[in-house]
Amino acid sequence: MALSVPAATVCRMENTVPRGSWLDDRTFRTFVREVAPLRPGSWSLSEFERATSALGWELREPKEVAGQIWRRFAARKGPSAGYGTLIGDASEPEQVRRLNVRVVDLPDEDVRGAVDRARAAWWIMEEELGPPAMWGGCSGPWMLWRQPCPALPSLLVHAHDDGEMSLELLPPETDADNVGQARARGRWHAGEPSDQPTALSPRVMPARSGTGWEVVEKRLCDALRSLDHDTPYFPGRFILRLGAAQDAQRFVQCWSQDLGLVIEATGYVHQPDAADPARLAGSGWEDSRSVWQRRFPHAAEDRAHAATAARMLVEELRRLGVGPAELSYDGTMSGRGQGFHLDLPDLGIPRVHHPAA
């Protein structure tokens, strides 16, 4: 039986959420209805095995992979939608961290096919479970659903960069840091303030001393590459602001526009005497109604644009007198009828909210 979704959610989906296209969408929907009610208790191996055996699933012998214990389900005696693996840490082999099911293991011939497939999967998830709690990107875009009952798992659908797509069952308290690979660069996630890191979290503390502009530029490039690539999948729109934490007038910003990226040296609006028109034009900026901007219309398709954008933004921050030690960021992600705060855990600088003037 499908889970009940409020009428307001259905209306929102019909008006703002692209349905996508996927030949296996019926199989996927059946699978979601099958696993969403699972109650693996404390997520011990024995409890998880008991819960899945009721579905007729059988586990194979474990093997260690890069510090993790993988236990695959037997062929034709596992998840109906794909290849299933229980994953735990080698340090706690009897504790399950996630159930990963590869629902697609071959890439599409083009990006449009991958986008259509991801949107179709997310549409089904929203019809069954309502709006997601978080969006994010870690080597490809993902969405995370939390269920109202604390005994039920969180569910995540991840469209990987290599063309695969997976559905994962995660413990209900899972946060965004446990999605994907921690070693991936340019991670981002977006959610309500309650799902974002607190002021005591290490990733929102002041930038470490010795973090120079070269490091900031590289990290910003990684973040923009991920955001440029992932945002059109939803589709969504991000706005990212970088500037002095204690001075709301010395900042630059950028935002997505369809498949493109727009960057802006906004601080010169407040400090026009600091602008050097000849230098800015020579650096690739364009004067648009007294605001210096640069547009990259194909940023989603050509990741090299992120490096140019990061270099230009960092250069203007330096010209505005912002130092790495005082640098902060703020951002939002919106789309599909939702609006979230944006978190960039790998950027290495604090997130400081500046209300719109």
Protein backbone atom coordinates (compact mmCIF):
# COMPACT_ATOMS: atom_id res chain seq x y z
CA MET A 1 0.00 0.00 0.00
CA ALA A 2 1.37 3.45 -0.91
CA LEU A 3 2.11 5.82 1.93
CA SER A 4 -0.31 8.73 2.22
CA VAL A 5 0.93 11.99 0.68
CA PRO A 6 -0.84 15.27 1.55
CA ALA A 7 -2.91 16.88 -1.22
CA ALA A 8 -0.76 20.02 -1.01
CA THR A 9 2.29 17.94 -1.84
CA VAL A 10 0.59 16.41 -4.89
CA CYS A 11 -0.40 19.89 -6.10
CA ARG A 12 3.15 21.17 -5.57
CA MET A 13 4.57 18.24 -7.51
CA GLU A 14 2.22 18.71 -10.44
CA ASN A 15 3.18 22.38 -10.69
CA THR A 16 6.91 22.37 -9.98
CA VAL A 17 8.43 18.89 -10.22
CA PRO A 18 9.48 17.37 -13.57
CA ARG A 19 8.32 13.79 -13.89
CA GLY A 20 11.25 12.45 -15.93
CA SER A 21 11.22 9.16 -17.82
CA TRP A 22 12.46 5.68 -16.89
CA LEU A 23 11.48 2.31 -18.32
CA ASP A 24 11.92 0.57 -14.95
CA ASP A 25 9.89 3.03 -12.90
CA ARG A 26 7.20 0.47 -11.98
CA THR A 27 9.80 -1.96 -10.64
CA PHE A 28 11.39 0.87 -8.67
CA ARG A 29 8.07 1.98 -7.17
CA THR A 30 7.30 -1.57 -6.05
CA PHE A 31 10.72 -1.80 -4.46
CA VAL A 32 10.30 1.50 -2.57
CA ARG A 33 7.00 0.27 -1.14
CA GLU A 34 8.74 -2.95 -0.15
CA VAL A 35 11.69 -1.48 1.75
CA ALA A 36 10.34 1.79 3.20
CA PRO A 37 8.46 -0.07 6.01
CA LEU A 38 11.51 -2.17 7.06
CA ARG A 39 12.31 -1.98 10.78
CA PRO A 40 15.87 -3.19 11.32
CA GLY A 41 15.83 -2.21 15.00
CA SER A 42 19.31 -1.21 16.19
CA TRP A 43 20.78 -1.93 12.74
CA SER A 44 22.74 -4.91 14.00
CA LEU A 45 23.53 -7.53 11.38
CA SER A 46 21.26 -10.10 13.01
CA GLU A 47 18.28 -7.72 13.17
CA PHE A 48 18.80 -6.53 9.62
CA GLU A 49 19.10 -10.09 8.36
CA ARG A 50 15.90 -11.00 10.18
CA ALA A 51 14.05 -8.03 8.64
CA THR A 52 15.20 -8.79 5.08
CA SER A 53 14.73 -12.54 5.32
CA ALA A 54 11.03 -11.85 5.73
CA LEU A 55 11.23 -10.52 2.17
CA GLY A 56 12.91 -13.72 0.98
CA TRP A 57 16.40 -12.19 0.76
CA GLU A 58 19.52 -14.25 1.47
CA LEU A 59 22.98 -12.90 2.33
CA ARG A 60 26.27 -14.20 0.95
CA GLU A 61 29.52 -14.45 2.91
CA PRO A 62 31.15 -11.13 3.87
CA LYS A 63 34.28 -9.65 2.36
CA GLU A 64 36.40 -6.66 3.37
CA VAL A 65 36.63 -3.74 0.92
CA ALA A 66 38.72 -0.66 1.79
CA GLY A 67 38.08 -0.88 5.52
CA GLN A 68 34.44 -1.84 5.13
CA ILE A 69 32.59 -5.13 5.42
CA TRP A 70 30.37 -5.87 2.42
CA ARG A 71 27.70 -8.55 2.45
CA ARG A 72 25.93 -8.98 -0.88
CA PHE A 73 22.53 -10.55 -1.33
CA ALA A 74 22.35 -13.66 -3.49
CA ALA A 75 21.28 -13.34 -7.10
CA ARG A 76 17.50 -13.68 -7.49
CA LYS A 77 17.25 -13.85 -3.69
CA GLY A 78 17.69 -10.17 -2.94
CA PRO A 79 16.23 -6.76 -3.80
CA SER A 80 13.91 -6.86 -6.81
CA ALA A 81 15.20 -3.55 -8.20
CA GLY A 82 18.93 -4.31 -8.39
CA TYR A 83 22.06 -5.57 -6.67
CA GLY A 84 21.92 -5.20 -2.89
CA THR A 85 24.80 -4.91 -0.41
CA LEU A 86 24.85 -4.46 3.35
CA ILE A 87 27.79 -2.22 4.29
CA GLY A 88 29.43 -1.84 7.69
CA ASP A 89 32.78 -0.75 9.13
CA ALA A 90 35.53 -3.32 9.57
CA SER A 91 35.93 -2.03 13.14
CA GLU A 92 32.30 -2.99 13.88
CA PRO A 93 31.56 -5.91 11.55
CA GLU A 94 28.26 -6.80 13.23
CA GLN A 95 26.81 -3.31 12.79
CA VAL A 96 25.15 -2.27 9.51
CA ARG A 97 25.75 1.28 8.30
CA ARG A 98 23.67 1.17 5.12
CA LEU A 99 21.87 -1.00 2.63
CA ASN A 100 22.98 -0.01 -0.87
CA VAL A 101 20.95 -1.16 -3.88
CA ARG A 102 22.28 -0.38 -7.35
CA VAL A 103 19.08 0.13 -9.28
CA VAL A 104 21.04 1.16 -12.41
CA ASP A 105 24.55 -0.10 -13.11
CA LEU A 106 25.06 1.00 -16.73
CA PRO A 107 25.37 4.65 -17.75
CA ASP A 108 23.05 6.26 -20.27
CA GLU A 109 24.42 7.23 -23.65
CA ASP A 110 23.89 10.92 -22.88
CA VAL A 111 23.37 13.26 -19.94
CA ARG A 112 19.73 13.87 -20.84
CA GLY A 113 18.95 10.19 -20.27
CA ALA A 114 20.64 10.23 -16.86
CA VAL A 115 18.75 13.37 -15.85
CA ASP A 116 15.40 11.92 -16.98
CA ARG A 117 16.05 8.73 -15.03
CA ALA A 118 17.01 10.56 -11.84
CA ARG A 119 13.98 12.82 -12.06
CA ALA A 120 11.70 9.83 -12.58
CA ALA A 121 13.12 8.11 -9.48
CA TRP A 122 12.80 11.28 -7.37
CA TRP A 123 9.22 11.77 -8.63
CA ILE A 124 8.29 8.28 -7.45
CA MET A 125 9.94 8.89 -4.08
CA GLU A 126 7.98 12.12 -3.62
CA GLU A 127 4.72 10.42 -4.57
CA GLU A 128 5.39 7.67 -2.02
CA LEU A 129 7.10 9.59 0.81
CA GLY A 130 6.45 13.29 0.25
CA PRO A 131 9.11 16.02 -0.24
CA PRO A 132 12.74 15.16 0.59
CA ALA A 133 14.37 16.53 3.73
CA MET A 134 17.66 17.32 2.03
CA TRP A 135 19.33 17.63 -1.36
CA GLY A 136 23.03 17.25 -1.95
CA GLY A 137 25.90 16.36 -4.19
CA CYS A 138 28.80 13.97 -3.69
CA SER A 139 30.11 12.65 -7.02
CA GLY A 140 26.60 13.22 -8.33
CA PRO A 141 23.30 14.65 -7.00
CA TRP A 142 21.19 12.96 -4.32
CA MET A 143 18.00 13.43 -2.30
CA LEU A 144 17.38 12.19 1.24
CA TRP A 145 13.97 11.32 2.73
CA ARG A 146 13.32 10.99 6.44
CA GLN A 147 10.26 9.06 7.57
CA PRO A 148 7.98 10.29 10.36
CA CYS A 149 8.38 7.15 12.49
CA PRO A 150 11.83 7.07 14.21
CA ALA A 151 11.97 3.28 13.80
CA LEU A 152 11.88 3.54 10.01
CA PRO A 153 15.00 4.09 7.90
CA SER A 154 15.92 7.18 5.92
CA LEU A 155 16.00 6.62 2.16
CA LEU A 156 18.43 8.19 -0.28
CA VAL A 157 18.43 8.16 -4.09
CA HIS A 158 21.82 9.03 -5.59
CA ALA A 159 22.53 9.66 -9.29
CA HIS A 160 26.27 8.97 -9.49
CA ASP A 161 28.67 10.72 -11.85
CA ASP A 162 29.60 7.40 -13.46
CA GLY A 163 26.02 6.84 -14.62
CA GLU A 164 24.97 4.42 -11.88
CA MET A 165 22.00 5.15 -9.65
CA SER A 166 21.45 3.74 -6.19
CA LEU A 167 18.84 3.68 -3.48
CA GLU A 168 20.17 3.43 0.05
CA LEU A 169 18.54 2.69 3.38
CA LEU A 170 20.27 4.59 6.18
CA PRO A 171 19.74 4.84 9.93
CA PRO A 172 17.09 7.48 10.69
CA GLU A 173 19.60 9.80 12.43
CA THR A 174 21.94 9.86 9.43
CA ASP A 175 23.20 13.33 8.52
CA ALA A 176 24.59 14.59 5.22
CA ASP A 177 28.21 13.91 6.21
CA ASN A 178 27.48 10.19 6.00
CA VAL A 179 26.19 10.33 2.43
CA GLY A 180 28.53 9.24 -0.34
CA GLN A 181 32.30 9.18 0.06
CA ALA A 182 33.93 11.53 2.55
CA ARG A 183 36.97 11.62 0.23
CA ALA A 184 34.94 13.18 -2.59
CA ARG A 185 35.73 16.83 -3.30
CA GLY A 186 33.25 19.64 -3.64
CA ARG A 187 30.50 18.11 -1.52
CA TRP A 188 27.41 20.21 -0.93
CA HIS A 189 24.06 19.74 0.71
CA ALA A 190 20.98 21.82 1.28
CA GLY A 191 18.29 21.50 3.92
CA GLU A 192 16.29 23.22 6.60
CA PRO A 193 18.29 24.93 9.37
CA SER A 194 17.57 21.99 11.71
CA ASP A 195 19.42 19.69 9.28
CA GLN A 196 22.43 21.99 8.94
CA PRO A 197 25.55 22.03 11.15
CA THR A 198 25.41 24.00 14.37
CA ALA A 199 27.74 26.80 15.38
CA LEU A 200 29.82 24.24 17.28
CA SER A 201 30.38 22.06 14.23
CA PRO A 202 34.03 22.02 13.08
CA ARG A 203 33.06 22.86 9.52
CA VAL A 204 31.46 26.19 10.47
CA MET A 205 34.29 27.32 12.76
CA PRO A 206 36.56 30.17 11.58
CA ALA A 207 38.98 29.31 8.79
CA ARG A 208 42.17 27.68 10.00
CA SER A 209 45.18 29.97 10.24
CA GLY A 210 47.50 29.52 7.30
CA THR A 211 44.67 28.83 4.82
CA GLY A 212 45.74 30.95 1.86
CA TRP A 213 43.98 32.18 -1.23
CA GLU A 214 45.38 29.37 -3.37
CA VAL A 215 43.66 26.78 -1.16
CA VAL A 216 40.44 28.82 -1.04
CA GLU A 217 40.39 29.10 -4.85
CA LYS A 218 40.89 25.35 -5.31
CA ARG A 219 38.12 24.46 -2.86
CA LEU A 220 35.78 27.01 -4.40
CA CYS A 221 36.49 25.55 -7.84
CA ASP A 222 35.56 22.06 -6.59
CA ALA A 223 32.34 23.36 -5.03
CA LEU A 224 31.31 25.24 -8.18
CA ARG A 225 32.02 22.21 -10.37
CA SER A 226 29.70 20.09 -8.25
CA LEU A 227 26.98 22.73 -7.99
CA ASP A 228 27.10 23.55 -11.71
CA HIS A 229 26.81 19.87 -12.63
CA ASP A 230 24.23 18.79 -10.06
CA THR A 231 21.78 21.70 -9.84
CA PRO A 232 20.11 21.23 -13.27
CA TYR A 233 19.22 17.63 -12.35
CA PHE A 234 16.59 18.68 -9.79
CA PRO A 235 16.18 21.30 -11.41
CA GLY A 236 17.17 23.95 -8.93
CA ARG A 237 18.86 27.32 -8.50
CA PHE A 238 21.66 28.11 -6.10
CA ILE A 239 22.95 31.46 -4.89
CA LEU A 240 26.35 31.61 -3.20
CA ARG A 241 27.79 34.69 -1.49
CA LEU A 242 31.41 35.04 -0.31
CA GLY A 243 32.77 37.99 1.63
CA ALA A 244 34.03 39.47 4.87
CA ALA A 245 32.22 37.93 7.83
CA GLN A 246 31.94 41.25 9.67
CA ASP A 247 31.37 43.56 6.70
CA ALA A 248 28.24 42.95 4.64
CA GLN A 249 29.40 45.32 1.86
CA ARG A 250 32.64 43.58 0.84
CA PHE A 251 31.47 40.51 -1.03
CA VAL A 252 31.11 38.73 -4.35
CA GLN A 253 28.42 36.29 -5.35
CA CYS A 254 27.38 33.79 -8.00
CA TRP A 255 24.26 31.92 -8.99
CA SER A 256 23.03 29.29 -11.41
CA GLN A 257 20.93 30.23 -14.42
CA ASP A 258 19.52 27.29 -16.38
CA LEU A 259 22.67 25.34 -17.42
CA GLY A 260 24.91 28.32 -16.79
CA LEU A 261 26.68 30.23 -14.04
CA VAL A 262 26.71 33.97 -13.36
CA ILE A 263 29.38 35.57 -11.18
CA GLU A 264 29.24 39.10 -9.84
CA ALA A 265 31.71 41.45 -8.10
CA THR A 266 28.88 42.95 -6.05
CA GLY A 267 31.12 44.74 -3.56
CA TYR A 268 31.92 47.48 -6.06
CA VAL A 269 28.30 48.63 -5.89
CA HIS A 270 29.07 49.73 -2.31
CA GLN A 271 32.67 50.78 -3.04
CA PRO A 272 32.60 52.22 -6.57
CA ASP A 273 35.91 54.06 -6.10
CA ALA A 274 37.65 50.72 -5.55
CA ALA A 275 36.70 49.50 -9.03
CA ASP A 276 39.21 49.76 -11.86
CA PRO A 277 37.11 49.47 -15.04
CA ALA A 278 40.08 48.87 -17.35
CA ARG A 279 41.48 46.10 -15.14
CA LEU A 280 38.07 44.47 -14.62
CA ALA A 281 37.32 44.45 -18.35
CA GLY A 282 40.76 43.05 -19.08
CA SER A 283 40.14 40.26 -16.57
CA GLY A 284 36.96 39.16 -18.35
CA TRP A 285 34.31 41.08 -16.40
CA GLU A 286 31.49 42.91 -18.16
CA ASP A 287 29.86 46.11 -16.91
CA SER A 288 26.13 45.37 -16.64
CA ARG A 289 24.20 48.39 -15.36
CA SER A 290 27.08 49.44 -13.09
CA VAL A 291 27.48 45.90 -11.75
CA TRP A 292 30.47 43.86 -12.90
CA GLN A 293 29.40 40.37 -14.01
CA ARG A 294 30.57 37.43 -16.10
CA ARG A 295 28.32 34.73 -17.55
CA PHE A 296 29.25 31.13 -18.29
CA PRO A 297 26.22 29.81 -20.21
CA HIS A 298 27.49 26.21 -20.46
CA ALA A 299 28.94 25.72 -16.98
CA ALA A 300 26.90 22.55 -16.35
CA GLU A 301 28.41 20.88 -19.40
CA ASP A 302 31.97 22.22 -19.24
CA ARG A 303 33.48 21.94 -15.79
CA ALA A 304 36.52 24.00 -16.82
CA HIS A 305 34.39 27.13 -16.39
CA ALA A 306 34.36 26.58 -12.62
CA ALA A 307 38.13 27.15 -12.43
CA THR A 308 37.86 30.46 -14.28
CA ALA A 309 34.92 31.58 -12.14
CA ALA A 310 36.71 30.68 -8.88
CA ARG A 311 39.86 32.52 -9.97
CA MET A 312 37.92 35.67 -10.90
CA LEU A 313 35.87 35.68 -7.67
CA VAL A 314 38.92 35.21 -5.46
CA GLU A 315 40.82 37.98 -7.26
CA GLU A 316 38.01 40.48 -6.62
CA LEU A 317 37.72 39.46 -2.98
CA ARG A 318 41.40 40.30 -2.60
CA ARG A 319 40.90 43.62 -4.40
CA LEU A 320 38.04 44.43 -2.01
CA GLY A 321 40.42 43.97 0.90
CA VAL A 322 39.00 40.70 2.20
CA GLY A 323 41.56 38.41 3.84
CA PRO A 324 41.33 34.60 3.99
CA ALA A 325 41.03 34.67 7.79
CA GLU A 326 37.88 36.84 7.67
CA LEU A 327 36.26 35.08 4.72
CA SER A 328 32.79 33.56 5.11
CA TYR A 329 30.02 32.31 2.87
CA ASP A 330 26.25 32.07 2.78
CA GLY A 331 23.97 30.43 0.26
CA THR A 332 20.61 29.02 -0.68
CA MET A 333 19.28 26.29 -2.95
CA SER A 334 15.73 26.39 -4.30
CA GLY A 335 13.54 24.44 -6.69
CA ARG A 336 10.76 21.85 -6.86
CA GLY A 337 8.68 24.10 -4.63
CA GLN A 338 11.28 24.06 -1.84
CA GLY A 339 13.93 26.44 -0.50
CA PHE A 340 16.96 25.37 1.55
CA HIS A 341 20.07 26.71 3.21
CA LEU A 342 23.24 25.69 1.34
CA ASP A 343 26.15 24.04 3.16
CA LEU A 344 29.61 23.51 1.62
CA PRO A 345 31.48 21.30 4.13
CA ASP A 346 34.71 21.13 2.10
CA LEU A 347 35.08 24.88 1.58
CA GLY A 348 36.86 25.22 4.92
CA ILE A 349 35.43 28.63 5.85
CA PRO A 350 32.55 29.55 8.18
CA ARG A 351 28.99 29.99 7.01
CA VAL A 352 27.66 33.34 8.21
CA HIS A 353 24.15 34.41 7.29
CA HIS A 354 23.74 37.97 5.97
CA PRO A 355 20.06 38.94 5.68
CA ALA A 356 19.11 40.47 2.35
CA ALA A 357 19.27 44.25 2.41
